[in-house]
Amino acid sequence: MNHAHDNSSGSLTARTFTDARRTATAVTAYPGQKPDTLAAAYAVQDQAISLWPDRIAGWKLGRVNPPFDAQFGAGRLAGPIFSKNVWLAVEGAPTAFGVIDGGFAAVEAEYILELGETAPDRDDWTPESAAALVGRALIGVEIAGSPFAEINGHGPAVTASDFGNNAGLILGGEIADWRDRLAGLTCRVLIDDAVIGTGGAAAIPNGPLDSLAFLLNLMNRRGRRLEAGQLISTGAATGVHQIFIGQSAVADFGPDGRIACVAVRAEGEST
């Protein structure tokens, strides 16, 4: 395999996606060579992170469904969440988020784990050991999004290569007594007042803390560290719900609160 070609293709992919995100321009075909492993996808993701002028505020986890989980050797994929794309939900006022016209967007109800301490370097994390790093848990909505409308149609490596299909995170309130309650929490998502998904923490394979343990082990392999204060969006609790410009969504977490948001047309920077 010609690695020089792979690397230049990867940098073309990273540059095309980051330029498209910055200018809010749709990408109609996958730019460059599609990565055929998650390692190759994360190499592209790392190049894109280095091109993006913002700091990482946290990470999102997405599910890799069968048969891809066996093919790619992982049941989850990860992508960065950047600080300028973290919004605090305000009671009674929906949070607006930008959607690239002609791209992809979705809303996902998620349980967010905020790290209370920086993770030591190790590669043997379990849900139990990972739990000790968590300072608090919150309700949230991950905004999935990409300039490439077909981001989810070509397998998990393509999804991972473009920031893991993340476009932001809306943070809601803290979950009281989360260590005792997490496993039993439920939620639902409405788009334009119609319920389109129900679920909860039990819908995430082995639960949200397993997502964190997976991420810690992955980051160890990638030579990255999870830091105190970072926000981990642990996976879609009711599914991935596509949303279009002009539509509104509500993630309803019952006694733990609700988050309202509205999709607006993304305004890009001019080049």
Protein backbone atom coordinates (compact mmCIF):
# COMPACT_ATOMS: atom_id res chain seq x y z
CA MET A 1 0.00 0.00 0.00
CA ASN A 2 1.35 3.41 -0.91
CA HIS A 3 1.21 5.33 2.36
CA ALA A 4 2.23 8.65 0.81
CA HIS A 5 -0.86 8.49 -1.37
CA ASP A 6 -3.03 7.58 1.61
CA ASN A 7 -1.68 10.47 3.65
CA SER A 8 -2.17 13.05 0.92
CA SER A 9 -5.67 11.70 0.31
CA GLY A 10 -6.33 11.96 4.04
CA SER A 11 -5.17 15.57 4.16
CA LEU A 12 -7.35 16.37 1.12
CA THR A 13 -10.31 14.83 2.97
CA ALA A 14 -9.56 16.72 6.17
CA ARG A 15 -9.04 20.02 4.36
CA THR A 16 -12.19 19.63 2.25
CA PHE A 17 -14.39 18.81 5.24
CA THR A 18 -12.99 21.56 7.49
CA ASP A 19 -13.28 24.16 4.71
CA ALA A 20 -16.85 23.04 4.02
CA ARG A 21 -17.77 23.26 7.70
CA ARG A 22 -16.20 26.70 8.05
CA THR A 23 -18.00 28.08 4.98
CA ALA A 24 -21.23 26.07 5.60
CA THR A 25 -21.02 24.54 2.13
CA ALA A 26 -22.37 21.10 1.26
CA VAL A 27 -20.01 18.37 0.05
CA THR A 28 -21.70 16.22 -2.58
CA ALA A 29 -19.20 13.36 -2.91
CA TYR A 30 -16.70 11.97 -0.42
CA PRO A 31 -13.45 13.89 -0.93
CA GLY A 32 -10.44 11.67 -1.52
CA GLN A 33 -10.04 8.01 -0.75
CA LYS A 34 -12.55 6.55 1.70
CA PRO A 35 -10.76 5.16 4.76
CA ASP A 36 -11.20 1.40 5.04
CA THR A 37 -10.31 1.05 8.73
CA LEU A 38 -11.16 3.07 11.82
CA ALA A 39 -7.42 3.69 12.36
CA ALA A 40 -7.25 5.32 8.93
CA ALA A 41 -10.40 7.31 9.72
CA TYR A 42 -8.95 8.60 12.99
CA ALA A 43 -5.77 9.64 11.14
CA VAL A 44 -7.98 11.82 8.90
CA GLN A 45 -9.89 13.05 11.97
CA ASP A 46 -6.61 14.01 13.67
CA GLN A 47 -5.56 16.00 10.60
CA ALA A 48 -8.92 17.77 10.59
CA ILE A 49 -8.61 18.54 14.33
CA SER A 50 -5.24 20.16 13.68
CA LEU A 51 -6.81 22.33 10.96
CA TRP A 52 -9.77 23.41 13.09
CA PRO A 53 -9.25 26.72 14.96
CA ASP A 54 -10.89 25.77 18.23
CA ARG A 55 -10.10 23.69 21.29
CA ILE A 56 -11.68 20.32 22.02
CA ALA A 57 -14.29 20.66 24.78
CA GLY A 58 -15.21 16.98 24.76
CA TRP A 59 -15.99 13.93 22.66
CA LYS A 60 -19.06 12.21 21.24
CA LEU A 61 -19.58 8.49 20.91
CA GLY A 62 -21.63 6.91 18.18
CA ARG A 63 -22.74 3.34 17.80
CA VAL A 64 -21.27 1.03 15.16
CA ASN A 65 -24.10 -1.32 14.26
CA PRO A 66 -23.83 -4.92 13.00
CA PRO A 67 -22.35 -6.13 10.70
CA PHE A 68 -19.94 -3.18 10.74
CA ASP A 69 -18.98 -3.75 14.40
CA ALA A 70 -17.45 -7.12 13.52
CA GLN A 71 -15.90 -5.83 10.29
CA PHE A 72 -14.29 -2.78 11.92
CA GLY A 73 -13.53 -4.38 15.29
CA ALA A 74 -15.39 -1.81 17.39
CA GLY A 75 -18.93 -1.21 18.59
CA ARG A 76 -18.47 2.54 18.87
CA LEU A 77 -16.77 5.45 17.13
CA ALA A 78 -15.67 8.80 18.55
CA GLY A 79 -15.47 12.38 17.35
CA PRO A 80 -14.44 15.73 18.84
CA ILE A 81 -16.83 18.36 20.18
CA PHE A 82 -15.40 21.89 19.93
CA SER A 83 -15.84 24.61 22.53
CA LYS A 84 -17.61 27.12 20.28
CA ASN A 85 -20.22 24.45 19.51
CA VAL A 86 -21.20 23.79 23.12
CA TRP A 87 -24.36 25.69 24.06
CA LEU A 88 -26.17 25.93 27.39
CA ALA A 89 -29.89 25.28 27.15
CA VAL A 90 -32.05 28.12 28.45
CA GLU A 91 -35.44 27.38 30.00
CA GLY A 92 -38.27 28.56 27.74
CA ALA A 93 -36.05 29.57 24.81
CA PRO A 94 -35.09 26.98 22.18
CA THR A 95 -31.39 26.77 21.35
CA ALA A 96 -30.74 27.50 17.67
CA PHE A 97 -28.14 25.37 15.90
CA GLY A 98 -26.85 25.72 12.37
CA VAL A 99 -27.47 23.13 9.68
CA ILE A 100 -25.50 23.22 6.43
CA ASP A 101 -27.98 23.50 3.56
CA GLY A 102 -27.58 20.29 1.56
CA GLY A 103 -25.64 18.55 4.35
CA PHE A 104 -26.75 16.21 7.12
CA ALA A 105 -28.11 17.01 10.58
CA ALA A 106 -29.70 15.02 13.37
CA VAL A 107 -30.63 15.45 17.02
CA GLU A 108 -29.85 12.84 19.65
CA ALA A 109 -30.90 12.79 23.31
CA GLU A 110 -27.78 11.92 25.28
CA TYR A 111 -26.44 11.51 28.79
CA ILE A 112 -23.37 13.70 29.22
CA LEU A 113 -20.55 12.82 31.60
CA GLU A 114 -18.35 15.71 32.72
CA LEU A 115 -14.90 14.62 33.84
CA GLY A 116 -13.94 15.73 37.33
CA GLU A 117 -10.30 14.84 36.83
CA THR A 118 -7.81 14.30 34.03
CA ALA A 119 -7.47 10.65 33.05
CA PRO A 120 -4.17 8.91 33.76
CA ASP A 121 -2.62 7.05 30.82
CA ARG A 122 -3.78 3.45 30.84
CA ASP A 123 -5.43 1.08 28.39
CA ASP A 124 -7.48 -1.16 30.66
CA TRP A 125 -10.43 1.06 31.59
CA THR A 126 -13.69 -0.56 32.65
CA PRO A 127 -17.04 1.14 33.34
CA GLU A 128 -16.25 0.81 37.07
CA SER A 129 -12.82 2.43 36.91
CA ALA A 130 -14.00 5.09 34.44
CA ALA A 131 -16.85 6.08 36.78
CA ALA A 132 -14.31 7.37 39.31
CA LEU A 133 -13.22 10.10 36.86
CA VAL A 134 -16.72 11.53 36.45
CA GLY A 135 -17.58 14.72 38.32
CA ARG A 136 -21.21 15.02 37.25
CA ALA A 137 -23.75 13.85 34.71
CA LEU A 138 -26.05 16.11 32.70
CA ILE A 139 -28.81 15.81 30.16
CA GLY A 140 -27.89 16.92 26.66
CA VAL A 141 -28.63 16.92 22.96
CA GLU A 142 -25.89 16.01 20.54
CA ILE A 143 -26.22 17.81 17.25
CA ALA A 144 -24.92 15.37 14.68
CA GLY A 145 -23.95 17.10 11.50
CA SER A 146 -21.76 17.04 8.42
CA PRO A 147 -21.43 18.94 5.14
CA PHE A 148 -21.71 15.50 3.46
CA ALA A 149 -25.37 14.47 3.24
CA GLU A 150 -24.43 10.78 2.87
CA ILE A 151 -22.14 10.77 5.94
CA ASN A 152 -23.95 7.78 7.46
CA GLY A 153 -24.33 5.83 4.22
CA HIS A 154 -20.79 4.54 3.76
CA GLY A 155 -19.97 2.77 7.01
CA PRO A 156 -18.39 3.89 10.27
CA ALA A 157 -14.93 4.81 8.95
CA VAL A 158 -16.40 7.49 6.68
CA THR A 159 -18.53 8.75 9.58
CA ALA A 160 -15.52 8.88 11.91
CA SER A 161 -13.37 10.70 9.36
CA ASP A 162 -15.53 13.86 9.47
CA PHE A 163 -15.37 14.68 13.20
CA GLY A 164 -17.47 11.57 13.86
CA ASN A 165 -20.46 13.42 12.40
CA ASN A 166 -20.58 15.94 15.26
CA ALA A 167 -21.75 19.53 14.91
CA GLY A 168 -22.29 20.51 18.53
CA LEU A 169 -23.69 19.79 21.97
CA ILE A 170 -26.53 21.45 23.87
CA LEU A 171 -26.09 21.03 27.61
CA GLY A 172 -29.03 20.81 29.95
CA GLY A 173 -29.19 20.48 33.72
CA GLU A 174 -27.38 18.22 36.08
CA ILE A 175 -28.81 14.77 36.85
CA ALA A 176 -29.26 14.41 40.61
CA ASP A 177 -27.95 11.20 42.24
CA TRP A 178 -26.82 9.99 38.83
CA ARG A 179 -24.60 7.20 40.15
CA ASP A 180 -27.63 5.47 41.66
CA ARG A 181 -30.10 6.38 38.92
CA LEU A 182 -28.17 6.35 35.63
CA ALA A 183 -29.01 2.81 34.50
CA GLY A 184 -32.77 3.38 34.81
CA LEU A 185 -33.07 6.83 33.22
CA THR A 186 -35.43 7.22 30.27
CA CYS A 187 -36.08 9.96 27.72
CA ARG A 188 -37.88 10.74 24.47
CA VAL A 189 -37.37 13.00 21.49
CA LEU A 190 -40.02 15.02 19.67
CA ILE A 191 -39.61 16.76 16.31
CA ASP A 192 -42.25 19.37 15.47
CA ASP A 193 -44.26 18.12 18.48
CA ALA A 194 -44.43 14.48 17.32
CA VAL A 195 -42.68 11.81 19.42
CA ILE A 196 -40.16 10.12 17.14
CA GLY A 197 -38.00 8.24 19.59
CA THR A 198 -38.14 6.80 23.10
CA GLY A 199 -35.40 5.11 25.05
CA GLY A 200 -32.91 5.79 27.79
CA ALA A 201 -29.59 4.86 29.27
CA ALA A 202 -30.36 1.16 28.81
CA ALA A 203 -30.45 1.70 25.02
CA ILE A 204 -26.70 2.45 25.07
CA PRO A 205 -24.78 -0.85 24.91
CA ASN A 206 -23.69 -1.68 28.48
CA GLY A 207 -24.63 1.87 29.48
CA PRO A 208 -23.05 5.34 29.33
CA LEU A 209 -20.09 4.42 31.54
CA ASP A 210 -19.12 1.71 29.06
CA SER A 211 -19.02 4.45 26.41
CA LEU A 212 -16.60 6.40 28.60
CA ALA A 213 -14.40 3.36 29.21
CA PHE A 214 -14.31 2.66 25.46
CA LEU A 215 -13.31 6.28 24.78
CA LEU A 216 -10.56 6.26 27.41
CA ASN A 217 -9.01 3.13 25.90
CA LEU A 218 -9.34 4.51 22.35
CA MET A 219 -7.73 7.84 23.30
CA ASN A 220 -4.86 5.99 24.96
CA ARG A 221 -4.21 4.28 21.61
CA ARG A 222 -4.52 7.60 19.76
CA GLY A 223 -2.03 9.32 22.05
CA ARG A 224 -4.64 11.75 23.36
CA ARG A 225 -5.78 12.45 26.89
CA LEU A 226 -9.20 13.11 28.37
CA GLU A 227 -8.99 16.15 30.62
CA ALA A 228 -10.87 17.45 33.65
CA GLY A 229 -13.85 19.52 32.56
CA GLN A 230 -14.29 17.73 29.24
CA LEU A 231 -17.79 16.65 28.28
CA ILE A 232 -18.43 13.12 27.02
CA SER A 233 -21.61 12.64 25.02
CA THR A 234 -22.15 8.94 25.60
CA GLY A 235 -24.36 7.89 22.68
CA ALA A 236 -27.85 8.21 21.27
CA ALA A 237 -30.37 7.17 23.93
CA THR A 238 -33.42 7.17 21.61
CA GLY A 239 -31.78 6.95 18.19
CA VAL A 240 -30.36 9.31 15.57
CA HIS A 241 -33.18 11.56 14.39
CA GLN A 242 -32.59 13.45 11.16
CA ILE A 243 -33.71 17.08 11.24
CA PHE A 244 -34.08 19.75 8.57
CA ILE A 245 -33.72 23.52 8.54
CA GLY A 246 -36.79 25.09 10.16
CA GLN A 247 -37.73 22.09 12.28
CA SER A 248 -37.85 22.15 16.08
CA ALA A 249 -36.96 19.37 18.49
CA VAL A 250 -37.39 18.65 22.19
CA ALA A 251 -35.44 16.11 24.21
CA ASP A 252 -37.59 15.27 27.24
CA PHE A 253 -35.79 13.62 30.16
CA GLY A 254 -38.83 13.56 32.45
CA PRO A 255 -37.99 14.67 35.99
CA ASP A 256 -34.46 15.65 34.92
CA GLY A 257 -35.67 18.33 32.52
CA ARG A 258 -36.08 19.01 28.84
CA ILE A 259 -34.07 20.70 26.12
CA ALA A 260 -35.71 22.53 23.22
CA CYS A 261 -33.81 23.40 20.04
CA VAL A 262 -34.43 24.61 16.51
CA ALA A 263 -32.53 23.96 13.28
CA VAL A 264 -31.55 27.12 11.39
CA ARG A 265 -29.55 27.60 8.20
CA ALA A 266 -25.82 27.64 9.01
CA GLU A 267 -24.07 30.87 8.12
CA GLY A 268 -20.52 30.17 7.02
CA GLU A 269 -17.51 32.41 7.17
CA SER A 270 -16.69 33.81 3.78
CA THR A 271 -13.46 32.38 2.40
